[in-house]
Amino acid sequence: MPICNHCGKEWTWQQTIKTLFRLKCPHCDNKQYESASSKKKTSIIGLLPLIALPINVFLNNPWWMVVIIMSPLIAVVLSVYPFMIKLSNEQEPLW
């Protein structure tokens, strides 16, 4: 789970999901940023649901089959993401 660099408190899974897009500490209200190494790791996991698209195109499945296959993949990504994120006080470049 992510740990705030300002106050040092660990976020819960639910707090991480709630602040997923703004990354503001729920304890001290300071802005946090995802570290560059964390962005690299989580971007690979974030692409997991997109695996279903070429498979369904290749198999010529209908659109509803894509929804059925992508739904559990998105759930897996959302459940694993808070465990992999690391925080930083400032925004870091990816390279």
PDB file of N, CA and C in Angstrom:
ATOM      1  N   MET A   1       0.833  -1.169   0.000  1.00  0.00           N
ATOM      2  CA  MET A   1       0.000   0.000   0.000  1.00  0.00           C
ATOM      3  C   MET A   1       0.890   1.249   0.000  1.00  0.00           C
ATOM      4  N   PRO A   2       0.395   2.317  -0.613  1.00  0.00           N
ATOM      5  CA  PRO A   2       1.190   3.540  -0.652  1.00  0.00           C
ATOM      6  C   PRO A   2       1.329   4.187   0.724  1.00  0.00           C
ATOM      7  N   ILE A   3       2.466   4.830   0.924  1.00  0.00           N
ATOM      8  CA  ILE A   3       2.737   5.540   2.168  1.00  0.00           C
ATOM      9  C   ILE A   3       3.003   6.997   1.820  1.00  0.00           C
ATOM     10  N   CYS A   4       2.337   7.901   2.508  1.00  0.00           N
ATOM     11  CA  CYS A   4       2.495   9.337   2.269  1.00  0.00           C
ATOM     12  C   CYS A   4       3.909   9.764   2.656  1.00  0.00           C
ATOM     13  N   ASN A   5       4.546  10.538   1.811  1.00  0.00           N
ATOM     14  CA  ASN A   5       5.895  11.018   2.106  1.00  0.00           C
ATOM     15  C   ASN A   5       5.892  12.213   3.056  1.00  0.00           C
ATOM     16  N   HIS A   6       4.758  12.867   3.250  1.00  0.00           N
ATOM     17  CA  HIS A   6       4.668  14.001   4.168  1.00  0.00           C
ATOM     18  C   HIS A   6       4.421  13.547   5.599  1.00  0.00           C
ATOM     19  N   CYS A   7       3.385  12.752   5.804  1.00  0.00           N
ATOM     20  CA  CYS A   7       3.023  12.359   7.174  1.00  0.00           C
ATOM     21  C   CYS A   7       3.482  10.942   7.523  1.00  0.00           C
ATOM     22  N   GLY A   8       3.856  10.137   6.532  1.00  0.00           N
ATOM     23  CA  GLY A   8       4.356   8.793   6.796  1.00  0.00           C
ATOM     24  C   GLY A   8       3.292   7.756   7.090  1.00  0.00           C
ATOM     25  N   LYS A   9       2.032   8.096   6.887  1.00  0.00           N
ATOM     26  CA  LYS A   9       0.952   7.140   7.169  1.00  0.00           C
ATOM     27  C   LYS A   9       0.628   6.334   5.912  1.00  0.00           C
ATOM     28  N   GLU A  10       0.321   5.062   6.151  1.00  0.00           N
ATOM     29  CA  GLU A  10      -0.031   4.163   5.050  1.00  0.00           C
ATOM     30  C   GLU A  10      -1.504   4.319   4.706  1.00  0.00           C
ATOM     31  N   TRP A  11      -1.787   4.335   3.418  1.00  0.00           N
ATOM     32  CA  TRP A  11      -3.166   4.436   2.952  1.00  0.00           C
ATOM     33  C   TRP A  11      -3.778   3.047   2.916  1.00  0.00           C
ATOM     34  N   THR A  12      -5.073   2.977   3.124  1.00  0.00           N
ATOM     35  CA  THR A  12      -5.773   1.705   2.973  1.00  0.00           C
ATOM     36  C   THR A  12      -6.094   1.489   1.495  1.00  0.00           C
ATOM     37  N   TRP A  13      -6.548   0.295   1.163  1.00  0.00           N
ATOM     38  CA  TRP A  13      -6.913  -0.011  -0.217  1.00  0.00           C
ATOM     39  C   TRP A  13      -8.032   0.913  -0.667  1.00  0.00           C
ATOM     40  N   GLN A  14      -9.024   1.093   0.186  1.00  0.00           N
ATOM     41  CA  GLN A  14     -10.181   1.918  -0.152  1.00  0.00           C
ATOM     42  C   GLN A  14      -9.780   3.384  -0.340  1.00  0.00           C
ATOM     43  N   GLN A  15      -8.906   3.898   0.502  1.00  0.00           N
ATOM     44  CA  GLN A  15      -8.444   5.281   0.362  1.00  0.00           C
ATOM     45  C   GLN A  15      -7.664   5.456  -0.942  1.00  0.00           C
ATOM     46  N   THR A  16      -6.891   4.467  -1.314  1.00  0.00           N
ATOM     47  CA  THR A  16      -6.114   4.547  -2.547  1.00  0.00           C
ATOM     48  C   THR A  16      -7.026   4.571  -3.756  1.00  0.00           C
ATOM     49  N   ILE A  17      -8.048   3.727  -3.763  1.00  0.00           N
ATOM     50  CA  ILE A  17      -8.991   3.704  -4.884  1.00  0.00           C
ATOM     51  C   ILE A  17      -9.759   5.027  -4.963  1.00  0.00           C
ATOM     52  N   LYS A  18     -10.150   5.592  -3.820  1.00  0.00           N
ATOM     53  CA  LYS A  18     -10.892   6.854  -3.820  1.00  0.00           C
ATOM     54  C   LYS A  18     -10.051   8.000  -4.374  1.00  0.00           C
ATOM     55  N   THR A  19      -8.767   8.013  -4.080  1.00  0.00           N
ATOM     56  CA  THR A  19      -7.892   9.108  -4.515  1.00  0.00           C
ATOM     57  C   THR A  19      -7.044   8.707  -5.716  1.00  0.00           C
ATOM     58  N   LEU A  20      -7.519   7.771  -6.485  1.00  0.00           N
ATOM     59  CA  LEU A  20      -6.747   7.207  -7.588  1.00  0.00           C
ATOM     60  C   LEU A  20      -6.310   8.245  -8.611  1.00  0.00           C
ATOM     61  N   PHE A  21      -7.157   9.205  -8.938  1.00  0.00           N
ATOM     62  CA  PHE A  21      -6.835  10.150  -9.998  1.00  0.00           C
ATOM     63  C   PHE A  21      -6.268  11.476  -9.486  1.00  0.00           C
ATOM     64  N   ARG A  22      -6.402  11.743  -8.198  1.00  0.00           N
ATOM     65  CA  ARG A  22      -5.871  13.011  -7.702  1.00  0.00           C
ATOM     66  C   ARG A  22      -4.732  12.816  -6.720  1.00  0.00           C
ATOM     67  N   LEU A  23      -4.578  11.641  -6.133  1.00  0.00           N
ATOM     68  CA  LEU A  23      -3.496  11.285  -5.208  1.00  0.00           C
ATOM     69  C   LEU A  23      -3.235  12.352  -4.145  1.00  0.00           C
ATOM     70  N   LYS A  24      -4.263  12.652  -3.386  1.00  0.00           N
ATOM     71  CA  LYS A  24      -4.147  13.575  -2.268  1.00  0.00           C
ATOM     72  C   LYS A  24      -4.257  12.758  -0.988  1.00  0.00           C
ATOM     73  N   CYS A  25      -3.318  12.952  -0.081  1.00  0.00           N
ATOM     74  CA  CYS A  25      -3.280  12.149   1.142  1.00  0.00           C
ATOM     75  C   CYS A  25      -4.560  12.347   1.953  1.00  0.00           C
ATOM     76  N   PRO A  26      -5.233  11.264   2.330  1.00  0.00           N
ATOM     77  CA  PRO A  26      -6.463  11.387   3.122  1.00  0.00           C
ATOM     78  C   PRO A  26      -6.190  11.790   4.574  1.00  0.00           C
ATOM     79  N   HIS A  27      -4.927  11.696   5.016  1.00  0.00           N
ATOM     80  CA  HIS A  27      -4.592  12.018   6.407  1.00  0.00           C
ATOM     81  C   HIS A  27      -4.148  13.476   6.565  1.00  0.00           C
ATOM     82  N   CYS A  28      -3.255  13.939   5.678  1.00  0.00           N
ATOM     83  CA  CYS A  28      -2.710  15.301   5.822  1.00  0.00           C
ATOM     84  C   CYS A  28      -3.109  16.236   4.681  1.00  0.00           C
ATOM     85  N   ASP A  29      -3.841  15.753   3.705  1.00  0.00           N
ATOM     86  CA  ASP A  29      -4.333  16.537   2.556  1.00  0.00           C
ATOM     87  C   ASP A  29      -3.231  17.146   1.694  1.00  0.00           C
ATOM     88  N   ASN A  30      -2.046  16.560   1.696  1.00  0.00           N
ATOM     89  CA  ASN A  30      -0.968  17.030   0.824  1.00  0.00           C
ATOM     90  C   ASN A  30      -0.990  16.273  -0.490  1.00  0.00           C
ATOM     91  N   LYS A  31      -0.662  16.958  -1.567  1.00  0.00           N
ATOM     92  CA  LYS A  31      -0.618  16.365  -2.906  1.00  0.00           C
ATOM     93  C   LYS A  31       0.556  15.401  -2.985  1.00  0.00           C
ATOM     94  N   GLN A  32       0.301  14.224  -3.524  1.00  0.00           N
ATOM     95  CA  GLN A  32       1.329  13.219  -3.749  1.00  0.00           C
ATOM     96  C   GLN A  32       1.361  12.887  -5.236  1.00  0.00           C
ATOM     97  N   TYR A  33       2.471  12.353  -5.685  1.00  0.00           N
ATOM     98  CA  TYR A  33       2.637  11.969  -7.078  1.00  0.00           C
ATOM     99  C   TYR A  33       3.093  10.522  -7.130  1.00  0.00           C
ATOM    100  N   GLU A  34       2.719   9.856  -8.201  1.00  0.00           N
ATOM    101  CA  GLU A  34       3.179   8.484  -8.389  1.00  0.00           C
ATOM    102  C   GLU A  34       4.622   8.527  -8.859  1.00  0.00           C
ATOM    103  N   SER A  35       5.486   7.702  -8.268  1.00  0.00           N
ATOM    104  CA  SER A  35       6.896   7.700  -8.641  1.00  0.00           C
ATOM    105  C   SER A  35       7.075   7.137 -10.049  1.00  0.00           C
ATOM    106  N   ALA A  36       8.198   7.452 -10.677  1.00  0.00           N
ATOM    107  CA  ALA A  36       8.461   7.018 -12.048  1.00  0.00           C
ATOM    108  C   ALA A  36       8.539   5.499 -12.137  1.00  0.00           C
ATOM    109  N   SER A  37       9.191   4.867 -11.174  1.00  0.00           N
ATOM    110  CA  SER A  37       9.286   3.402 -11.208  1.00  0.00           C
ATOM    111  C   SER A  37       7.915   2.756 -11.033  1.00  0.00           C
ATOM    112  N   SER A  38       7.088   3.372 -10.213  1.00  0.00           N
ATOM    113  CA  SER A  38       5.733   2.857 -10.009  1.00  0.00           C
ATOM    114  C   SER A  38       4.892   3.018 -11.270  1.00  0.00           C
ATOM    115  N   LYS A  39       5.049   4.141 -11.973  1.00  0.00           N
ATOM    116  CA  LYS A  39       4.309   4.358 -13.219  1.00  0.00           C
ATOM    117  C   LYS A  39       4.658   3.301 -14.256  1.00  0.00           C
ATOM    118  N   LYS A  40       5.931   2.932 -14.316  1.00  0.00           N
ATOM    119  CA  LYS A  40       6.353   1.922 -15.284  1.00  0.00           C
ATOM    120  C   LYS A  40       5.721   0.563 -14.974  1.00  0.00           C
ATOM    121  N   LYS A  41       5.720   0.196 -13.692  1.00  0.00           N
ATOM    122  CA  LYS A  41       5.129  -1.094 -13.299  1.00  0.00           C
ATOM    123  C   LYS A  41       3.622  -1.123 -13.512  1.00  0.00           C
ATOM    124  N   THR A  42       2.948  -0.070 -13.085  1.00  0.00           N
ATOM    125  CA  THR A  42       1.490  -0.067 -13.166  1.00  0.00           C
ATOM    126  C   THR A  42       0.982   0.119 -14.592  1.00  0.00           C
ATOM    127  N   SER A  43       1.794   0.709 -15.453  1.00  0.00           N
ATOM    128  CA  SER A  43       1.345   0.858 -16.847  1.00  0.00           C
ATOM    129  C   SER A  43       1.272  -0.499 -17.535  1.00  0.00           C
ATOM    130  N   ILE A  44       2.152  -1.403 -17.177  1.00  0.00           N
ATOM    131  CA  ILE A  44       2.118  -2.755 -17.746  1.00  0.00           C
ATOM    132  C   ILE A  44       0.849  -3.476 -17.295  1.00  0.00           C
ATOM    133  N   ILE A  45       0.505  -3.344 -16.026  1.00  0.00           N
ATOM    134  CA  ILE A  45      -0.708  -3.980 -15.509  1.00  0.00           C
ATOM    135  C   ILE A  45      -1.951  -3.319 -16.093  1.00  0.00           C
ATOM    136  N   GLY A  46      -1.899  -2.013 -16.318  1.00  0.00           N
ATOM    137  CA  GLY A  46      -3.031  -1.294 -16.877  1.00  0.00           C
ATOM    138  C   GLY A  46      -3.377  -1.712 -18.295  1.00  0.00           C
ATOM    139  N   LEU A  47      -2.416  -2.281 -18.990  1.00  0.00           N
ATOM    140  CA  LEU A  47      -2.656  -2.742 -20.357  1.00  0.00           C
ATOM    141  C   LEU A  47      -3.286  -4.129 -20.418  1.00  0.00           C
ATOM    142  N   LEU A  48      -3.384  -4.791 -19.289  1.00  0.00           N
ATOM    143  CA  LEU A  48      -3.937  -6.147 -19.236  1.00  0.00           C
ATOM    144  C   LEU A  48      -5.324  -6.273 -19.878  1.00  0.00           C
ATOM    145  N   PRO A  49      -6.277  -5.375 -19.600  1.00  0.00           N
ATOM    146  CA  PRO A  49      -7.597  -5.523 -20.244  1.00  0.00           C
ATOM    147  C   PRO A  49      -7.550  -5.374 -21.759  1.00  0.00           C
ATOM    148  N   LEU A  50      -6.562  -4.665 -22.274  1.00  0.00           N
ATOM    149  CA  LEU A  50      -6.477  -4.473 -23.720  1.00  0.00           C
ATOM    150  C   LEU A  50      -6.070  -5.740 -24.472  1.00  0.00           C
ATOM    151  N   ILE A  51      -5.615  -6.742 -23.746  1.00  0.00           N
ATOM    152  CA  ILE A  51      -5.265  -8.024 -24.363  1.00  0.00           C
ATOM    153  C   ILE A  51      -6.505  -8.666 -24.983  1.00  0.00           C
ATOM    154  N   ALA A  52      -7.654  -8.404 -24.394  1.00  0.00           N
ATOM    155  CA  ALA A  52      -8.902  -9.009 -24.870  1.00  0.00           C
ATOM    156  C   ALA A  52      -9.289  -8.516 -26.263  1.00  0.00           C
ATOM    157  N   LEU A  53      -8.921  -7.296 -26.606  1.00  0.00           N
ATOM    158  CA  LEU A  53      -9.334  -6.740 -27.905  1.00  0.00           C
ATOM    159  C   LEU A  53      -8.755  -7.490 -29.098  1.00  0.00           C
ATOM    160  N   PRO A  54      -7.441  -7.682 -29.217  1.00  0.00           N
ATOM    161  CA  PRO A  54      -6.940  -8.409 -30.386  1.00  0.00           C
ATOM    162  C   PRO A  54      -7.381  -9.878 -30.411  1.00  0.00           C
ATOM    163  N   ILE A  55      -7.535 -10.456 -29.232  1.00  0.00           N
ATOM    164  CA  ILE A  55      -7.990 -11.851 -29.179  1.00  0.00           C
ATOM    165  C   ILE A  55      -9.407 -11.955 -29.748  1.00  0.00           C
ATOM    166  N   ASN A  56     -10.268 -11.041 -29.366  1.00  0.00           N
ATOM    167  CA  ASN A  56     -11.649 -11.072 -29.866  1.00  0.00           C
ATOM    168  C   ASN A  56     -11.738 -10.729 -31.342  1.00  0.00           C
ATOM    169  N   VAL A  57     -10.885  -9.842 -31.822  1.00  0.00           N
ATOM    170  CA  VAL A  57     -10.876  -9.537 -33.250  1.00  0.00           C
ATOM    171  C   VAL A  57     -10.411 -10.755 -34.039  1.00  0.00           C
ATOM    172  N   PHE A  58      -9.376 -11.417 -33.542  1.00  0.00           N
ATOM    173  CA  PHE A  58      -8.858 -12.602 -34.203  1.00  0.00           C
ATOM    174  C   PHE A  58      -9.888 -13.730 -34.227  1.00  0.00           C
ATOM    175  N   LEU A  59     -10.627 -13.886 -33.133  1.00  0.00           N
ATOM    176  CA  LEU A  59     -11.634 -14.950 -33.041  1.00  0.00           C
ATOM    177  C   LEU A  59     -12.987 -14.541 -33.617  1.00  0.00           C
ATOM    178  N   ASN A  60     -13.108 -13.266 -34.013  1.00  0.00           N
ATOM    179  CA  ASN A  60     -14.334 -12.733 -34.599  1.00  0.00           C
ATOM    180  C   ASN A  60     -15.531 -12.883 -33.648  1.00  0.00           C
ATOM    181  N   ASN A  61     -15.298 -12.541 -32.382  1.00  0.00           N
ATOM    182  CA  ASN A  61     -16.357 -12.588 -31.374  1.00  0.00           C
ATOM    183  C   ASN A  61     -17.200 -11.321 -31.428  1.00  0.00           C
ATOM    184  N   PRO A  62     -18.449 -11.382 -30.989  1.00  0.00           N
ATOM    185  CA  PRO A  62     -19.295 -10.180 -30.949  1.00  0.00           C
ATOM    186  C   PRO A  62     -18.843  -9.210 -29.846  1.00  0.00           C
ATOM    187  N   TRP A  63     -19.347  -7.959 -29.883  1.00  0.00           N
ATOM    188  CA  TRP A  63     -18.935  -6.922 -28.946  1.00  0.00           C
ATOM    189  C   TRP A  63     -19.254  -7.279 -27.501  1.00  0.00           C
ATOM    190  N   TRP A  64     -20.357  -7.978 -27.249  1.00  0.00           N
ATOM    191  CA  TRP A  64     -20.724  -8.327 -25.880  1.00  0.00           C
ATOM    192  C   TRP A  64     -19.736  -9.314 -25.271  1.00  0.00           C
ATOM    193  N   MET A  65     -19.081 -10.100 -26.110  1.00  0.00           N
ATOM    194  CA  MET A  65     -18.059 -11.022 -25.611  1.00  0.00           C
ATOM    195  C   MET A  65     -16.832 -10.239 -25.108  1.00  0.00           C
ATOM    196  N   VAL A  66     -16.538  -9.140 -25.773  1.00  0.00           N
ATOM    197  CA  VAL A  66     -15.436  -8.279 -25.333  1.00  0.00           C
ATOM    198  C   VAL A  66     -15.735  -7.725 -23.940  1.00  0.00           C
ATOM    199  N   VAL A  67     -16.965  -7.295 -23.733  1.00  0.00           N
ATOM    200  CA  VAL A  67     -17.369  -6.764 -22.429  1.00  0.00           C
ATOM    201  C   VAL A  67     -17.263  -7.838 -21.350  1.00  0.00           C
ATOM    202  N   ILE A  68     -17.691  -9.038 -21.670  1.00  0.00           N
ATOM    203  CA  ILE A  68     -17.632 -10.140 -20.702  1.00  0.00           C
ATOM    204  C   ILE A  68     -16.192 -10.489 -20.345  1.00  0.00           C
ATOM    205  N   ILE A  69     -15.308 -10.450 -21.306  1.00  0.00           N
ATOM    206  CA  ILE A  69     -13.910 -10.799 -21.043  1.00  0.00           C
ATOM    207  C   ILE A  69     -13.171  -9.653 -20.343  1.00  0.00           C
ATOM    208  N   MET A  70     -13.461  -8.405 -20.727  1.00  0.00           N
ATOM    209  CA  MET A  70     -12.736  -7.272 -20.157  1.00  0.00           C
ATOM    210  C   MET A  70     -13.176  -6.930 -18.732  1.00  0.00           C
ATOM    211  N   SER A  71     -14.390  -7.217 -18.361  1.00  0.00           N
ATOM    212  CA  SER A  71     -14.882  -6.874 -17.020  1.00  0.00           C
ATOM    213  C   SER A  71     -14.054  -7.508 -15.901  1.00  0.00           C
ATOM    214  N   PRO A  72     -13.796  -8.808 -15.919  1.00  0.00           N
ATOM    215  CA  PRO A  72     -12.963  -9.365 -14.846  1.00  0.00           C
ATOM    216  C   PRO A  72     -11.514  -8.880 -14.914  1.00  0.00           C
ATOM    217  N   LEU A  73     -11.023  -8.601 -16.115  1.00  0.00           N
ATOM    218  CA  LEU A  73      -9.653  -8.101 -16.234  1.00  0.00           C
ATOM    219  C   LEU A  73      -9.523  -6.707 -15.610  1.00  0.00           C
ATOM    220  N   ILE A  74     -10.520  -5.873 -15.820  1.00  0.00           N
ATOM    221  CA  ILE A  74     -10.514  -4.545 -15.206  1.00  0.00           C
ATOM    222  C   ILE A  74     -10.614  -4.663 -13.684  1.00  0.00           C
ATOM    223  N   ALA A  75     -11.413  -5.595 -13.201  1.00  0.00           N
ATOM    224  CA  ALA A  75     -11.534  -5.816 -11.755  1.00  0.00           C
ATOM    225  C   ALA A  75     -10.202  -6.259 -11.152  1.00  0.00           C
ATOM    226  N   VAL A  76      -9.477  -7.101 -11.864  1.00  0.00           N
ATOM    227  CA  VAL A  76      -8.162  -7.554 -11.387  1.00  0.00           C
ATOM    228  C   VAL A  76      -7.192  -6.376 -11.320  1.00  0.00           C
ATOM    229  N   VAL A  77      -7.191  -5.551 -12.341  1.00  0.00           N
ATOM    230  CA  VAL A  77      -6.295  -4.385 -12.368  1.00  0.00           C
ATOM    231  C   VAL A  77      -6.604  -3.448 -11.205  1.00  0.00           C
ATOM    232  N   LEU A  78      -7.870  -3.158 -10.969  1.00  0.00           N
ATOM    233  CA  LEU A  78      -8.240  -2.266  -9.875  1.00  0.00           C
ATOM    234  C   LEU A  78      -7.940  -2.856  -8.502  1.00  0.00           C
ATOM    235  N   SER A  79      -8.004  -4.162  -8.375  1.00  0.00           N
ATOM    236  CA  SER A  79      -7.722  -4.768  -7.074  1.00  0.00           C
ATOM    237  C   SER A  79      -6.224  -4.859  -6.786  1.00  0.00           C
ATOM    238  N   VAL A  80      -5.392  -4.953  -7.812  1.00  0.00           N
ATOM    239  CA  VAL A  80      -3.946  -5.095  -7.627  1.00  0.00           C
ATOM    240  C   VAL A  80      -3.234  -3.744  -7.605  1.00  0.00           C
ATOM    241  N   TYR A  81      -3.766  -2.762  -8.303  1.00  0.00           N
ATOM    242  CA  TYR A  81      -3.112  -1.459  -8.462  1.00  0.00           C
ATOM    243  C   TYR A  81      -2.693  -0.802  -7.140  1.00  0.00           C
ATOM    244  N   PRO A  82      -3.551  -0.731  -6.111  1.00  0.00           N
ATOM    245  CA  PRO A  82      -3.139  -0.068  -4.861  1.00  0.00           C
ATOM    246  C   PRO A  82      -1.942  -0.725  -4.176  1.00  0.00           C
ATOM    247  N   PHE A  83      -1.714  -1.984  -4.422  1.00  0.00           N
ATOM    248  CA  PHE A  83      -0.576  -2.669  -3.798  1.00  0.00           C
ATOM    249  C   PHE A  83       0.736  -2.357  -4.507  1.00  0.00           C
ATOM    250  N   MET A  84       0.677  -1.874  -5.727  1.00  0.00           N
ATOM    251  CA  MET A  84       1.880  -1.641  -6.514  1.00  0.00           C
ATOM    252  C   MET A  84       2.311  -0.180  -6.576  1.00  0.00           C
ATOM    253  N   ILE A  85       1.447   0.732  -6.181  1.00  0.00           N
ATOM    254  CA  ILE A  85       1.744   2.153  -6.326  1.00  0.00           C
ATOM    255  C   ILE A  85       2.702   2.633  -5.234  1.00  0.00           C
ATOM    256  N   LYS A  86       3.673   3.449  -5.633  1.00  0.00           N
ATOM    257  CA  LYS A  86       4.612   4.096  -4.715  1.00  0.00           C
ATOM    258  C   LYS A  86       4.479   5.598  -4.923  1.00  0.00           C
ATOM    259  N   LEU A  87       4.575   6.350  -3.844  1.00  0.00           N
ATOM    260  CA  LEU A  87       4.346   7.789  -3.910  1.00  0.00           C
ATOM    261  C   LEU A  87       5.645   8.586  -3.818  1.00  0.00           C
ATOM    262  N   SER A  88       5.570   9.816  -4.324  1.00  0.00           N
ATOM    263  CA  SER A  88       6.696  10.742  -4.300  1.00  0.00           C
ATOM    264  C   SER A  88       6.180  12.130  -3.969  1.00  0.00           C
ATOM    265  N   ASN A  89       7.034  12.978  -3.421  1.00  0.00           N
ATOM    266  CA  ASN A  89       6.644  14.353  -3.097  1.00  0.00           C
ATOM    267  C   ASN A  89       6.563  15.239  -4.333  1.00  0.00           C
ATOM    268  N   GLU A  90       7.313  14.897  -5.363  1.00  0.00           N
ATOM    269  CA  GLU A  90       7.325  15.714  -6.571  1.00  0.00           C
ATOM    270  C   GLU A  90       7.180  14.816  -7.782  1.00  0.00           C
ATOM    271  N   GLN A  91       6.729  15.416  -8.866  1.00  0.00           N
ATOM    272  CA  GLN A  91       6.511  14.663 -10.086  1.00  0.00           C
ATOM    273  C   GLN A  91       7.872  14.339 -10.712  1.00  0.00           C
ATOM    274  N   GLU A  92       8.080  13.064 -11.023  1.00  0.00           N
ATOM    275  CA  GLU A  92       9.339  12.603 -11.585  1.00  0.00           C
ATOM    276  C   GLU A  92       9.167  12.317 -13.071  1.00  0.00           C
ATOM    277  N   PRO A  93      10.175  12.621 -13.890  1.00  0.00           N
ATOM    278  CA  PRO A  93      10.085  12.279 -15.315  1.00  0.00           C
ATOM    279  C   PRO A  93      10.212  10.764 -15.503  1.00  0.00           C
ATOM    280  N   LEU A  94       9.622  10.260 -16.570  1.00  0.00           N
ATOM    281  CA  LEU A  94       9.674   8.819 -16.817  1.00  0.00           C
ATOM    282  C   LEU A  94      11.033   8.348 -17.319  1.00  0.00           C
ATOM    283  N   TRP A  95      11.846   9.248 -17.843  1.00  0.00           N
ATOM    284  CA  TRP A  95      13.167   8.847 -18.330  1.00  0.00           C
ATOM    285  C   TRP A  95      14.244   9.677 -17.716  1.00  0.00           C
TER     286      TRP A  95
END
